[in-house]
Amino acid sequence: MMDPRWSGQLRAGLDSLGLALDGQQQDRLLAFLGLLAKWNRAYNLTAVREPGEMVSRQLLDSLSVLPWVDAEALLDVGAGGGLPGIPLAIALPERRFTLLDSNSKKTRFLTQCVLELKLGNVTVIHGRAETCTPDVKYRQISSRAFTALANLVDWCGHLLADDGQFLAMKGQFPDDEVAALPAGWRVRAHHALQVPGCAGERHLLLIDRDPQTGG
């Protein structure tokens, strides 16, 4: 059972982020955290294991990018333990989320989350991004602690709509990775994220095709 202090920590964090989620959504977020903590003991889904720390470093960190999610359908690549995909799907039930990961243990966990949390707007795919062939390309693709930016656009560029953008979540600003982006891609904008309870830098990079270099 989740400590009631975590509920208070979540409410305070949401207020700090300026996000208005109802009681059912907050309960689902905490239920997801409970599943993550439970499955983590066997599946090693995340290095963060203290639930109070998980509220800030996982739930609030994931939700900090919410203001930039505007696509009707978003793909979360390297979804791992469901971050940021599951918290975003809980916060935006009217939008569709596809969670892609090549690790079968992680996709089993994600499928269990969808079932237990009754997330009708989430689809889980077990597979590699490079070989994924969706019927419709995505206007937004999120990644969190997945891979270097050059790999991200190389492996997932074919999944992105022509006018789409990557939402790449990073810790320290990745100057070297930005410099290594291949021709045809650019960092259109970047935002420093202020995550309640998280020490250290957090950044969101919005990456899209560069018309100047033939992207």
N, C-alpha and C. Protein backbone atom coordinates (compact mmCIF):
# COMPACT_ATOMS: atom_id res chain seq x y z
N MET A 1 0.84 -1.20 0.00
CA MET A 1 0.00 0.00 0.00
C MET A 1 0.88 1.25 0.00
N MET A 2 0.49 2.22 -0.82
CA MET A 2 1.31 3.42 -0.94
C MET A 2 1.18 4.30 0.30
N ASP A 3 2.28 4.86 0.71
CA ASP A 3 2.32 5.78 1.84
C ASP A 3 1.51 7.03 1.49
N PRO A 4 0.59 7.48 2.37
CA PRO A 4 -0.21 8.68 2.07
C PRO A 4 0.64 9.91 1.82
N ARG A 5 1.87 9.91 2.31
CA ARG A 5 2.74 11.06 2.06
C ARG A 5 3.05 11.20 0.57
N TRP A 6 3.07 10.05 -0.13
CA TRP A 6 3.36 10.10 -1.57
C TRP A 6 2.22 10.77 -2.31
N SER A 7 1.00 10.57 -1.81
CA SER A 7 -0.14 11.25 -2.42
C SER A 7 -0.02 12.76 -2.25
N GLY A 8 0.38 13.19 -1.05
CA GLY A 8 0.58 14.62 -0.81
C GLY A 8 1.73 15.17 -1.64
N GLN A 9 2.79 14.38 -1.78
CA GLN A 9 3.93 14.80 -2.59
C GLN A 9 3.53 14.97 -4.04
N LEU A 10 2.70 14.05 -4.53
CA LEU A 10 2.23 14.14 -5.91
C LEU A 10 1.35 15.37 -6.12
N ARG A 11 0.43 15.60 -5.19
CA ARG A 11 -0.45 16.77 -5.32
C ARG A 11 0.35 18.07 -5.32
N ALA A 12 1.31 18.16 -4.39
CA ALA A 12 2.14 19.37 -4.32
C ALA A 12 2.96 19.54 -5.59
N GLY A 13 3.48 18.44 -6.12
CA GLY A 13 4.27 18.51 -7.35
C GLY A 13 3.43 18.93 -8.54
N LEU A 14 2.22 18.40 -8.63
CA LEU A 14 1.32 18.79 -9.72
C LEU A 14 0.98 20.27 -9.64
N ASP A 15 0.75 20.76 -8.43
CA ASP A 15 0.47 22.19 -8.24
C ASP A 15 1.66 23.03 -8.69
N SER A 16 2.86 22.57 -8.34
CA SER A 16 4.06 23.31 -8.71
C SER A 16 4.24 23.35 -10.23
N LEU A 17 3.85 22.26 -10.91
CA LEU A 17 3.96 22.20 -12.37
C LEU A 17 2.79 22.90 -13.06
N GLY A 18 1.80 23.28 -12.29
CA GLY A 18 0.62 23.93 -12.88
C GLY A 18 -0.28 22.95 -13.61
N LEU A 19 -0.31 21.70 -13.16
CA LEU A 19 -1.10 20.67 -13.82
C LEU A 19 -2.31 20.33 -12.95
N ALA A 20 -3.47 20.29 -13.58
CA ALA A 20 -4.71 19.98 -12.87
C ALA A 20 -5.17 18.58 -13.26
N LEU A 21 -4.88 17.59 -12.44
CA LEU A 21 -5.34 16.23 -12.66
C LEU A 21 -6.32 15.86 -11.57
N ASP A 22 -7.41 15.18 -11.94
CA ASP A 22 -8.43 14.87 -10.95
C ASP A 22 -7.97 13.73 -10.04
N GLY A 23 -8.81 13.45 -9.04
CA GLY A 23 -8.45 12.45 -8.04
C GLY A 23 -8.24 11.07 -8.63
N GLN A 24 -9.06 10.70 -9.61
CA GLN A 24 -8.90 9.38 -10.23
C GLN A 24 -7.58 9.28 -10.97
N GLN A 25 -7.20 10.34 -11.66
CA GLN A 25 -5.92 10.33 -12.36
C GLN A 25 -4.75 10.23 -11.38
N GLN A 26 -4.84 10.96 -10.27
CA GLN A 26 -3.78 10.89 -9.28
C GLN A 26 -3.71 9.49 -8.67
N ASP A 27 -4.85 8.89 -8.42
CA ASP A 27 -4.87 7.52 -7.88
C ASP A 27 -4.22 6.55 -8.87
N ARG A 28 -4.50 6.73 -10.15
CA ARG A 28 -3.92 5.86 -11.17
C ARG A 28 -2.40 6.04 -11.25
N LEU A 29 -1.95 7.27 -11.13
CA LEU A 29 -0.51 7.52 -11.15
C LEU A 29 0.17 6.80 -9.99
N LEU A 30 -0.42 6.87 -8.81
CA LEU A 30 0.16 6.21 -7.64
C LEU A 30 0.05 4.69 -7.75
N ALA A 31 -1.05 4.22 -8.36
CA ALA A 31 -1.18 2.78 -8.58
C ALA A 31 -0.11 2.29 -9.56
N PHE A 32 0.16 3.09 -10.58
CA PHE A 32 1.25 2.76 -11.51
C PHE A 32 2.58 2.69 -10.78
N LEU A 33 2.82 3.65 -9.89
CA LEU A 33 4.05 3.66 -9.13
C LEU A 33 4.17 2.40 -8.27
N GLY A 34 3.03 1.98 -7.70
CA GLY A 34 3.03 0.75 -6.92
C GLY A 34 3.38 -0.46 -7.76
N LEU A 35 2.84 -0.54 -8.98
CA LEU A 35 3.17 -1.64 -9.88
C LEU A 35 4.65 -1.60 -10.26
N LEU A 36 5.15 -0.40 -10.52
CA LEU A 36 6.55 -0.26 -10.91
C LEU A 36 7.47 -0.72 -9.78
N ALA A 37 7.14 -0.33 -8.56
CA ALA A 37 7.96 -0.73 -7.41
C ALA A 37 7.90 -2.25 -7.20
N LYS A 38 6.71 -2.82 -7.38
CA LYS A 38 6.53 -4.26 -7.17
C LYS A 38 7.30 -5.07 -8.23
N TRP A 39 7.11 -4.73 -9.49
CA TRP A 39 7.74 -5.48 -10.58
C TRP A 39 9.24 -5.21 -10.64
N ASN A 40 9.66 -4.08 -10.12
CA ASN A 40 11.07 -3.72 -10.19
C ASN A 40 11.93 -4.69 -9.39
N ARG A 41 11.36 -5.29 -8.38
CA ARG A 41 12.13 -6.22 -7.55
C ARG A 41 12.60 -7.43 -8.36
N ALA A 42 11.82 -7.82 -9.36
CA ALA A 42 12.17 -8.99 -10.17
C ALA A 42 12.68 -8.63 -11.55
N TYR A 43 12.23 -7.50 -12.08
CA TYR A 43 12.52 -7.19 -13.48
C TYR A 43 13.54 -6.08 -13.69
N ASN A 44 13.97 -5.42 -12.60
CA ASN A 44 14.97 -4.36 -12.72
C ASN A 44 14.58 -3.32 -13.77
N LEU A 45 13.41 -2.74 -13.57
CA LEU A 45 12.86 -1.78 -14.54
C LEU A 45 13.46 -0.40 -14.39
N THR A 46 13.91 -0.06 -13.20
CA THR A 46 14.42 1.28 -12.94
C THR A 46 15.43 1.24 -11.81
N ALA A 47 16.39 2.15 -11.87
CA ALA A 47 17.41 2.22 -10.81
C ALA A 47 16.89 2.96 -9.59
N VAL A 48 15.79 3.71 -9.75
CA VAL A 48 15.19 4.44 -8.64
C VAL A 48 14.23 3.51 -7.93
N ARG A 49 14.49 3.21 -6.66
CA ARG A 49 13.72 2.19 -5.97
C ARG A 49 12.95 2.72 -4.75
N GLU A 50 13.28 3.89 -4.27
CA GLU A 50 12.59 4.42 -3.09
C GLU A 50 11.33 5.15 -3.57
N PRO A 51 10.12 4.67 -3.19
CA PRO A 51 8.89 5.22 -3.77
C PRO A 51 8.74 6.74 -3.63
N GLY A 52 9.18 7.30 -2.51
CA GLY A 52 9.09 8.75 -2.38
C GLY A 52 9.91 9.47 -3.43
N GLU A 53 11.08 8.92 -3.72
CA GLU A 53 11.93 9.47 -4.77
C GLU A 53 11.33 9.22 -6.15
N MET A 54 10.62 8.09 -6.28
CA MET A 54 9.99 7.75 -7.54
C MET A 54 8.91 8.76 -7.93
N VAL A 55 8.23 9.34 -6.95
CA VAL A 55 7.20 10.33 -7.25
C VAL A 55 7.80 11.48 -8.04
N SER A 56 8.93 12.00 -7.59
CA SER A 56 9.53 13.15 -8.26
C SER A 56 10.30 12.74 -9.51
N ARG A 57 11.14 11.72 -9.40
CA ARG A 57 12.05 11.41 -10.49
C ARG A 57 11.40 10.62 -11.62
N GLN A 58 10.20 10.10 -11.36
CA GLN A 58 9.54 9.33 -12.41
C GLN A 58 8.18 9.94 -12.79
N LEU A 59 7.29 10.08 -11.83
CA LEU A 59 5.98 10.64 -12.17
C LEU A 59 6.08 12.11 -12.59
N LEU A 60 6.62 12.94 -11.71
CA LEU A 60 6.66 14.38 -11.99
C LEU A 60 7.60 14.69 -13.15
N ASP A 61 8.70 13.96 -13.22
CA ASP A 61 9.62 14.15 -14.34
C ASP A 61 8.93 13.85 -15.66
N SER A 62 8.18 12.75 -15.73
CA SER A 62 7.46 12.41 -16.94
C SER A 62 6.41 13.47 -17.28
N LEU A 63 5.69 13.92 -16.28
CA LEU A 63 4.61 14.88 -16.52
C LEU A 63 5.11 16.28 -16.82
N SER A 64 6.39 16.54 -16.57
CA SER A 64 6.92 17.89 -16.81
C SER A 64 6.91 18.25 -18.30
N VAL A 65 6.83 17.25 -19.18
CA VAL A 65 6.81 17.54 -20.63
C VAL A 65 5.39 17.67 -21.17
N LEU A 66 4.40 17.54 -20.30
CA LEU A 66 3.00 17.56 -20.73
C LEU A 66 2.63 18.78 -21.57
N PRO A 67 3.13 19.99 -21.25
CA PRO A 67 2.73 21.15 -22.05
C PRO A 67 3.14 21.07 -23.52
N TRP A 68 4.08 20.20 -23.85
CA TRP A 68 4.54 20.10 -25.25
C TRP A 68 3.94 18.92 -26.00
N VAL A 69 3.09 18.15 -25.32
CA VAL A 69 2.43 17.02 -25.98
C VAL A 69 1.13 17.53 -26.60
N ASP A 70 1.10 17.60 -27.93
CA ASP A 70 -0.10 18.11 -28.58
C ASP A 70 -0.59 17.22 -29.71
N ALA A 71 0.06 16.10 -29.95
CA ALA A 71 -0.37 15.18 -31.00
C ALA A 71 -1.52 14.31 -30.50
N GLU A 72 -2.38 13.90 -31.42
CA GLU A 72 -3.47 13.01 -31.06
C GLU A 72 -2.96 11.61 -30.73
N ALA A 73 -1.84 11.24 -31.35
CA ALA A 73 -1.24 9.93 -31.10
C ALA A 73 0.26 10.10 -30.96
N LEU A 74 0.82 9.57 -29.89
CA LEU A 74 2.25 9.71 -29.61
C LEU A 74 2.87 8.34 -29.45
N LEU A 75 4.08 8.19 -29.97
CA LEU A 75 4.86 6.96 -29.80
C LEU A 75 5.96 7.21 -28.78
N ASP A 76 6.06 6.33 -27.79
CA ASP A 76 7.13 6.41 -26.79
C ASP A 76 8.10 5.27 -27.08
N VAL A 77 9.31 5.61 -27.56
CA VAL A 77 10.28 4.58 -27.94
C VAL A 77 11.22 4.28 -26.78
N GLY A 78 11.64 3.00 -26.69
CA GLY A 78 12.43 2.60 -25.54
C GLY A 78 11.64 2.82 -24.27
N ALA A 79 10.37 2.42 -24.30
CA ALA A 79 9.43 2.77 -23.23
C ALA A 79 9.83 2.23 -21.87
N GLY A 80 10.59 1.12 -21.86
CA GLY A 80 11.12 0.60 -20.60
C GLY A 80 10.06 0.36 -19.55
N GLY A 81 10.18 1.05 -18.42
CA GLY A 81 9.23 0.92 -17.34
C GLY A 81 7.99 1.79 -17.50
N GLY A 82 7.78 2.34 -18.69
CA GLY A 82 6.58 3.12 -18.95
C GLY A 82 6.73 4.60 -18.74
N LEU A 83 7.97 5.10 -18.77
CA LEU A 83 8.24 6.51 -18.52
C LEU A 83 8.81 7.16 -19.78
N PRO A 84 8.18 8.21 -20.28
CA PRO A 84 7.05 8.95 -19.70
C PRO A 84 5.68 8.48 -20.16
N GLY A 85 5.62 7.41 -20.99
CA GLY A 85 4.38 7.06 -21.67
C GLY A 85 3.17 6.83 -20.78
N ILE A 86 3.32 6.01 -19.71
CA ILE A 86 2.17 5.70 -18.86
C ILE A 86 1.65 6.94 -18.12
N PRO A 87 2.50 7.73 -17.44
CA PRO A 87 1.98 8.94 -16.80
C PRO A 87 1.32 9.90 -17.79
N LEU A 88 1.88 10.06 -18.98
CA LEU A 88 1.27 10.94 -19.98
C LEU A 88 -0.09 10.40 -20.42
N ALA A 89 -0.19 9.09 -20.59
CA ALA A 89 -1.46 8.49 -21.00
C ALA A 89 -2.53 8.65 -19.92
N ILE A 90 -2.12 8.57 -18.66
CA ILE A 90 -3.07 8.79 -17.57
C ILE A 90 -3.54 10.24 -17.55
N ALA A 91 -2.62 11.16 -17.81
CA ALA A 91 -2.95 12.59 -17.78
C ALA A 91 -3.75 13.02 -18.99
N LEU A 92 -3.62 12.31 -20.11
CA LEU A 92 -4.29 12.69 -21.37
C LEU A 92 -5.10 11.52 -21.90
N PRO A 93 -6.20 11.16 -21.23
CA PRO A 93 -6.95 9.96 -21.62
C PRO A 93 -7.61 10.07 -22.99
N GLU A 94 -7.75 11.29 -23.51
CA GLU A 94 -8.39 11.47 -24.82
C GLU A 94 -7.42 11.27 -25.98
N ARG A 95 -6.16 11.08 -25.68
CA ARG A 95 -5.14 10.88 -26.72
C ARG A 95 -4.62 9.44 -26.68
N ARG A 96 -3.99 9.04 -27.76
CA ARG A 96 -3.54 7.65 -27.89
C ARG A 96 -2.03 7.57 -27.75
N PHE A 97 -1.57 6.54 -27.06
CA PHE A 97 -0.15 6.35 -26.80
C PHE A 97 0.25 4.94 -27.18
N THR A 98 1.35 4.83 -27.92
CA THR A 98 1.93 3.53 -28.26
C THR A 98 3.28 3.43 -27.58
N LEU A 99 3.48 2.36 -26.82
CA LEU A 99 4.73 2.15 -26.07
C LEU A 99 5.50 1.02 -26.73
N LEU A 100 6.71 1.34 -27.19
CA LEU A 100 7.52 0.39 -27.94
C LEU A 100 8.80 0.06 -27.17
N ASP A 101 9.08 -1.22 -27.01
CA ASP A 101 10.33 -1.63 -26.37
C ASP A 101 10.72 -3.01 -26.88
N SER A 102 12.02 -3.24 -26.98
CA SER A 102 12.51 -4.52 -27.50
C SER A 102 12.71 -5.57 -26.40
N ASN A 103 12.56 -5.17 -25.14
CA ASN A 103 12.77 -6.07 -24.01
C ASN A 103 11.43 -6.70 -23.62
N SER A 104 11.33 -8.01 -23.76
CA SER A 104 10.04 -8.69 -23.53
C SER A 104 9.58 -8.59 -22.08
N LYS A 105 10.52 -8.57 -21.13
CA LYS A 105 10.12 -8.42 -19.73
C LYS A 105 9.46 -7.07 -19.50
N LYS A 106 10.02 -6.05 -20.12
CA LYS A 106 9.46 -4.71 -19.95
C LYS A 106 8.10 -4.57 -20.63
N THR A 107 7.93 -5.17 -21.80
CA THR A 107 6.62 -5.07 -22.45
C THR A 107 5.57 -5.90 -21.71
N ARG A 108 6.00 -6.99 -21.05
CA ARG A 108 5.05 -7.73 -20.21
C ARG A 108 4.58 -6.85 -19.06
N PHE A 109 5.50 -6.12 -18.45
CA PHE A 109 5.14 -5.21 -17.38
C PHE A 109 4.18 -4.13 -17.90
N LEU A 110 4.50 -3.55 -19.04
CA LEU A 110 3.65 -2.50 -19.60
C LEU A 110 2.26 -3.02 -19.92
N THR A 111 2.17 -4.22 -20.45
CA THR A 111 0.87 -4.82 -20.75
C THR A 111 0.07 -5.03 -19.48
N GLN A 112 0.74 -5.45 -18.40
CA GLN A 112 0.06 -5.62 -17.12
C GLN A 112 -0.45 -4.28 -16.60
N CYS A 113 0.34 -3.22 -16.77
CA CYS A 113 -0.10 -1.88 -16.36
C CYS A 113 -1.36 -1.47 -17.10
N VAL A 114 -1.38 -1.71 -18.40
CA VAL A 114 -2.55 -1.35 -19.21
C VAL A 114 -3.79 -2.08 -18.70
N LEU A 115 -3.63 -3.36 -18.37
CA LEU A 115 -4.76 -4.15 -17.89
C LEU A 115 -5.23 -3.69 -16.52
N GLU A 116 -4.28 -3.58 -15.57
CA GLU A 116 -4.67 -3.26 -14.19
C GLU A 116 -5.16 -1.83 -14.04
N LEU A 117 -4.60 -0.91 -14.81
CA LEU A 117 -4.99 0.49 -14.70
C LEU A 117 -6.11 0.85 -15.67
N LYS A 118 -6.52 -0.13 -16.49
CA LYS A 118 -7.61 0.07 -17.45
C LYS A 118 -7.34 1.25 -18.38
N LEU A 119 -6.18 1.20 -19.00
CA LEU A 119 -5.75 2.28 -19.90
C LEU A 119 -6.12 1.93 -21.34
N GLY A 120 -7.33 2.31 -21.72
CA GLY A 120 -7.82 2.00 -23.05
C GLY A 120 -7.16 2.78 -24.15
N ASN A 121 -6.37 3.78 -23.80
CA ASN A 121 -5.71 4.62 -24.81
C ASN A 121 -4.24 4.24 -25.03
N VAL A 122 -3.84 3.07 -24.51
CA VAL A 122 -2.43 2.66 -24.61
C VAL A 122 -2.31 1.34 -25.36
N THR A 123 -1.38 1.30 -26.32
CA THR A 123 -1.02 0.08 -27.04
C THR A 123 0.45 -0.22 -26.75
N VAL A 124 0.75 -1.48 -26.46
CA VAL A 124 2.13 -1.90 -26.19
C VAL A 124 2.62 -2.75 -27.34
N ILE A 125 3.82 -2.43 -27.84
CA ILE A 125 4.43 -3.20 -28.93
C ILE A 125 5.79 -3.71 -28.47
N HIS A 126 5.99 -5.03 -28.61
CA HIS A 126 7.30 -5.62 -28.34
C HIS A 126 8.05 -5.70 -29.66
N GLY A 127 9.13 -4.95 -29.80
CA GLY A 127 9.89 -4.97 -31.04
C GLY A 127 10.94 -3.87 -31.05
N ARG A 128 11.71 -3.84 -32.11
CA ARG A 128 12.76 -2.84 -32.27
C ARG A 128 12.23 -1.71 -33.14
N ALA A 129 12.64 -0.51 -32.79
CA ALA A 129 12.18 0.66 -33.55
C ALA A 129 12.57 0.55 -35.01
N GLU A 130 13.78 0.02 -35.28
CA GLU A 130 14.29 -0.03 -36.65
C GLU A 130 13.42 -0.88 -37.57
N THR A 131 12.75 -1.87 -37.02
CA THR A 131 11.94 -2.78 -37.84
C THR A 131 10.45 -2.56 -37.67
N CYS A 132 10.06 -1.55 -36.92
CA CYS A 132 8.65 -1.24 -36.71
C CYS A 132 8.09 -0.56 -37.96
N THR A 133 6.93 -1.00 -38.42
CA THR A 133 6.32 -0.43 -39.63
C THR A 133 4.86 -0.08 -39.36
N PRO A 134 4.61 1.06 -38.73
CA PRO A 134 3.23 1.44 -38.42
C PRO A 134 2.45 1.82 -39.67
N ASP A 135 1.13 1.65 -39.61
CA ASP A 135 0.28 2.04 -40.73
C ASP A 135 0.30 3.55 -40.95
N VAL A 136 0.36 4.28 -39.86
CA VAL A 136 0.38 5.74 -39.92
C VAL A 136 1.57 6.23 -39.11
N LYS A 137 2.31 7.18 -39.66
CA LYS A 137 3.46 7.72 -38.94
C LYS A 137 3.00 8.67 -37.84
N TYR A 138 3.87 8.87 -36.87
CA TYR A 138 3.52 9.64 -35.68
C TYR A 138 3.99 11.09 -35.80
N ARG A 139 3.16 12.00 -35.30
CA ARG A 139 3.55 13.41 -35.33
C ARG A 139 4.45 13.76 -34.16
N GLN A 140 4.41 12.95 -33.09
CA GLN A 140 5.32 13.14 -31.97
C GLN A 140 5.83 11.78 -31.50
N ILE A 141 7.15 11.73 -31.22
CA ILE A 141 7.78 10.54 -30.67
C ILE A 141 8.59 10.97 -29.45
N SER A 142 8.30 10.38 -28.31
CA SER A 142 9.02 10.72 -27.08
C SER A 142 10.10 9.69 -26.79
N SER A 143 11.14 10.15 -26.11
CA SER A 143 12.18 9.24 -25.63
C SER A 143 12.73 9.79 -24.33
N ARG A 144 13.03 8.89 -23.41
CA ARG A 144 13.57 9.28 -22.11
C ARG A 144 14.66 8.27 -21.75
N ALA A 145 15.89 8.76 -21.66
CA ALA A 145 17.02 7.88 -21.32
C ALA A 145 17.09 6.68 -22.24
N PHE A 146 16.84 6.91 -23.52
CA PHE A 146 16.79 5.81 -24.49
C PHE A 146 18.12 5.63 -25.20
N THR A 147 18.58 6.64 -25.91
CA THR A 147 19.81 6.52 -26.68
C THR A 147 20.28 7.91 -27.08
N ALA A 148 21.45 7.99 -27.71
CA ALA A 148 21.97 9.26 -28.19
C ALA A 148 21.06 9.82 -29.28
N LEU A 149 21.08 11.12 -29.44
CA LEU A 149 20.17 11.77 -30.39
C LEU A 149 20.39 11.29 -31.81
N ALA A 150 21.64 11.09 -32.21
CA ALA A 150 21.90 10.60 -33.57
C ALA A 150 21.27 9.24 -33.79
N ASN A 151 21.35 8.37 -32.79
CA ASN A 151 20.70 7.06 -32.89
C ASN A 151 19.19 7.21 -32.95
N LEU A 152 18.66 8.11 -32.16
CA LEU A 152 17.22 8.31 -32.10
C LEU A 152 16.66 8.65 -33.48
N VAL A 153 17.27 9.61 -34.16
CA VAL A 153 16.74 9.99 -35.47
C VAL A 153 17.05 8.92 -36.52
N ASP A 154 18.17 8.22 -36.35
CA ASP A 154 18.53 7.17 -37.31
C ASP A 154 17.59 5.98 -37.18
N TRP A 155 17.34 5.54 -35.97
CA TRP A 155 16.51 4.36 -35.74
C TRP A 155 15.03 4.63 -35.90
N CYS A 156 14.61 5.85 -35.60
CA CYS A 156 13.17 6.14 -35.50
C CYS A 156 12.68 7.17 -36.51
N GLY A 157 13.57 7.71 -37.34
CA GLY A 157 13.15 8.73 -38.29
C GLY A 157 12.04 8.27 -39.22
N HIS A 158 12.05 6.98 -39.60
CA HIS A 158 11.03 6.47 -40.52
C HIS A 158 9.66 6.35 -39.86
N LEU A 159 9.62 6.45 -38.53
CA LEU A 159 8.36 6.38 -37.79
C LEU A 159 7.71 7.75 -37.62
N LEU A 160 8.46 8.80 -37.93
CA LEU A 160 8.02 10.16 -37.67
C LEU A 160 7.38 10.76 -38.92
N ALA A 161 6.23 11.41 -38.76
CA ALA A 161 5.59 12.10 -39.86
C ALA A 161 6.50 13.20 -40.40
N ASP A 162 6.29 13.59 -41.64
CA ASP A 162 7.16 14.60 -42.26
C ASP A 162 7.21 15.88 -41.45
N ASP A 163 6.08 16.25 -40.86
CA ASP A 163 6.02 17.47 -40.06
C ASP A 163 6.11 17.18 -38.57
N GLY A 164 6.60 15.99 -38.22
CA GLY A 164 6.62 15.57 -36.82
C GLY A 164 7.85 16.03 -36.07
N GLN A 165 7.86 15.73 -34.78
CA GLN A 165 8.99 16.12 -33.93
C GLN A 165 9.25 15.07 -32.87
N PHE A 166 10.52 14.93 -32.52
CA PHE A 166 10.91 14.11 -31.39
C PHE A 166 10.88 14.95 -30.12
N LEU A 167 10.40 14.37 -29.03
CA LEU A 167 10.47 14.98 -27.71
C LEU A 167 11.50 14.18 -26.93
N ALA A 168 12.74 14.67 -26.93
CA ALA A 168 13.85 13.94 -26.32
C ALA A 168 14.14 14.51 -24.94
N MET A 169 13.97 13.67 -23.91
CA MET A 169 14.22 14.08 -22.54
C MET A 169 15.65 13.72 -22.15
N LYS A 170 16.37 14.68 -21.63
CA LYS A 170 17.76 14.48 -21.25
C LYS A 170 18.03 15.08 -19.87
N GLY A 171 19.15 14.67 -19.27
CA GLY A 171 19.58 15.26 -18.01
C GLY A 171 20.35 16.53 -18.32
N GLN A 172 21.67 16.48 -18.22
CA GLN A 172 22.47 17.64 -18.63
C GLN A 172 22.27 17.89 -20.12
N PHE A 173 22.39 19.17 -20.52
CA PHE A 173 22.18 19.49 -21.92
C PHE A 173 23.24 18.76 -22.76
N PRO A 174 22.82 17.97 -23.76
CA PRO A 174 23.76 17.09 -24.48
C PRO A 174 24.43 17.81 -25.67
N ASP A 175 25.32 18.72 -25.39
CA ASP A 175 25.97 19.49 -26.46
C ASP A 175 26.62 18.58 -27.50
N ASP A 176 27.34 17.55 -27.04
CA ASP A 176 28.02 16.66 -27.97
C ASP A 176 27.02 15.92 -28.86
N GLU A 177 25.91 15.49 -28.29
CA GLU A 177 24.90 14.78 -29.07
C GLU A 177 24.24 15.70 -30.09
N VAL A 178 23.99 16.93 -29.70
CA VAL A 178 23.41 17.90 -30.64
C VAL A 178 24.37 18.13 -31.81
N ALA A 179 25.65 18.28 -31.51
CA ALA A 179 26.65 18.50 -32.55
C ALA A 179 26.76 17.31 -33.48
N ALA A 180 26.43 16.11 -32.99
CA ALA A 180 26.56 14.89 -33.78
C ALA A 180 25.29 14.55 -34.56
N LEU A 181 24.24 15.37 -34.46
CA LEU A 181 23.03 15.10 -35.23
C LEU A 181 23.37 15.09 -36.72
N PRO A 182 22.88 14.11 -37.46
CA PRO A 182 23.19 14.05 -38.89
C PRO A 182 22.48 15.16 -39.66
N ALA A 183 22.98 15.44 -40.84
CA ALA A 183 22.35 16.42 -41.72
C ALA A 183 20.90 16.03 -41.96
N GLY A 184 20.05 17.02 -42.00
CA GLY A 184 18.64 16.77 -42.20
C GLY A 184 17.82 16.87 -40.92
N TRP A 185 18.51 17.03 -39.78
CA TRP A 185 17.83 17.13 -38.50
C TRP A 185 18.34 18.33 -37.73
N ARG A 186 17.49 18.88 -36.88
CA ARG A 186 17.87 20.06 -36.10
C ARG A 186 17.15 20.04 -34.75
N VAL A 187 17.73 20.74 -33.80
CA VAL A 187 17.03 21.01 -32.54
C VAL A 187 16.24 22.29 -32.76
N ARG A 188 14.95 22.12 -32.90
CA ARG A 188 14.10 23.27 -33.19
C ARG A 188 13.94 24.17 -31.98
N ALA A 189 13.88 23.55 -30.80
CA ALA A 189 13.75 24.30 -29.54
C ALA A 189 14.22 23.40 -28.41
N HIS A 190 14.60 24.02 -27.31
CA HIS A 190 14.91 23.23 -26.12
C HIS A 190 14.44 23.99 -24.89
N HIS A 191 14.07 23.24 -23.88
CA HIS A 191 13.48 23.82 -22.68
C HIS A 191 14.12 23.19 -21.45
N ALA A 192 14.52 24.02 -20.52
CA ALA A 192 14.97 23.54 -19.22
C ALA A 192 13.73 23.18 -18.41
N LEU A 193 13.69 21.97 -17.88
CA LEU A 193 12.54 21.50 -17.12
C LEU A 193 12.79 21.69 -15.63
N GLN A 194 11.80 22.23 -14.96
CA GLN A 194 11.86 22.39 -13.51
C GLN A 194 10.98 21.32 -12.88
N VAL A 195 11.61 20.28 -12.38
CA VAL A 195 10.86 19.15 -11.83
C VAL A 195 10.90 19.20 -10.31
N PRO A 196 9.75 19.36 -9.66
CA PRO A 196 9.74 19.44 -8.19
C PRO A 196 10.38 18.22 -7.55
N GLY A 197 11.33 18.46 -6.66
CA GLY A 197 11.97 17.38 -5.93
C GLY A 197 13.14 16.74 -6.64
N CYS A 198 13.44 17.17 -7.87
CA CYS A 198 14.56 16.59 -8.62
C CYS A 198 15.75 17.53 -8.61
N ALA A 199 16.86 17.04 -8.12
CA ALA A 199 18.09 17.81 -8.19
C ALA A 199 18.75 17.57 -9.55
N GLY A 200 19.55 18.51 -9.99
CA GLY A 200 20.24 18.34 -11.26
C GLY A 200 19.42 18.86 -12.43
N GLU A 201 20.09 18.95 -13.56
CA GLU A 201 19.46 19.50 -14.76
C GLU A 201 18.51 18.49 -15.40
N ARG A 202 17.47 19.03 -16.03
CA ARG A 202 16.57 18.24 -16.87
C ARG A 202 16.24 19.10 -18.08
N HIS A 203 16.29 18.50 -19.25
CA HIS A 203 16.04 19.25 -20.48
C HIS A 203 15.13 18.47 -21.41
N LEU A 204 14.35 19.22 -22.17
CA LEU A 204 13.54 18.66 -23.25
C LEU A 204 14.02 19.29 -24.55
N LEU A 205 14.38 18.44 -25.52
CA LEU A 205 14.80 18.91 -26.83
C LEU A 205 13.75 18.52 -27.85
N LEU A 206 13.29 19.49 -28.62
CA LEU A 206 12.34 19.25 -29.68
C LEU A 206 13.13 19.19 -31.00
N ILE A 207 13.14 18.02 -31.61
CA ILE A 207 13.97 17.76 -32.79
C ILE A 207 13.06 17.46 -33.97
N ASP A 208 13.33 18.12 -35.08
CA ASP A 208 12.55 17.85 -36.29
C ASP A 208 13.45 17.89 -37.52
N ARG A 209 12.85 17.66 -38.67
CA ARG A 209 13.62 17.68 -39.92
C ARG A 209 13.99 19.12 -40.27
N ASP A 210 15.18 19.28 -40.81
CA ASP A 210 15.69 20.60 -41.16
C ASP A 210 15.53 20.82 -42.67
N PRO A 211 14.60 21.66 -43.07
CA PRO A 211 14.40 21.87 -44.51
C PRO A 211 15.61 22.48 -45.20
N GLN A 212 16.48 23.13 -44.44
CA GLN A 212 17.65 23.76 -45.03
C GLN A 212 18.72 22.74 -45.47
N THR A 213 18.67 21.55 -44.85
CA THR A 213 19.69 20.55 -45.19
C THR A 213 19.06 19.27 -45.74
N GLY A 214 17.84 19.41 -46.23
CA GLY A 214 17.24 18.28 -46.92
C GLY A 214 16.63 17.23 -46.05
N GLY A 215 16.18 17.61 -44.81
CA GLY A 215 15.56 16.61 -43.94
C GLY A 215 14.18 16.24 -44.37
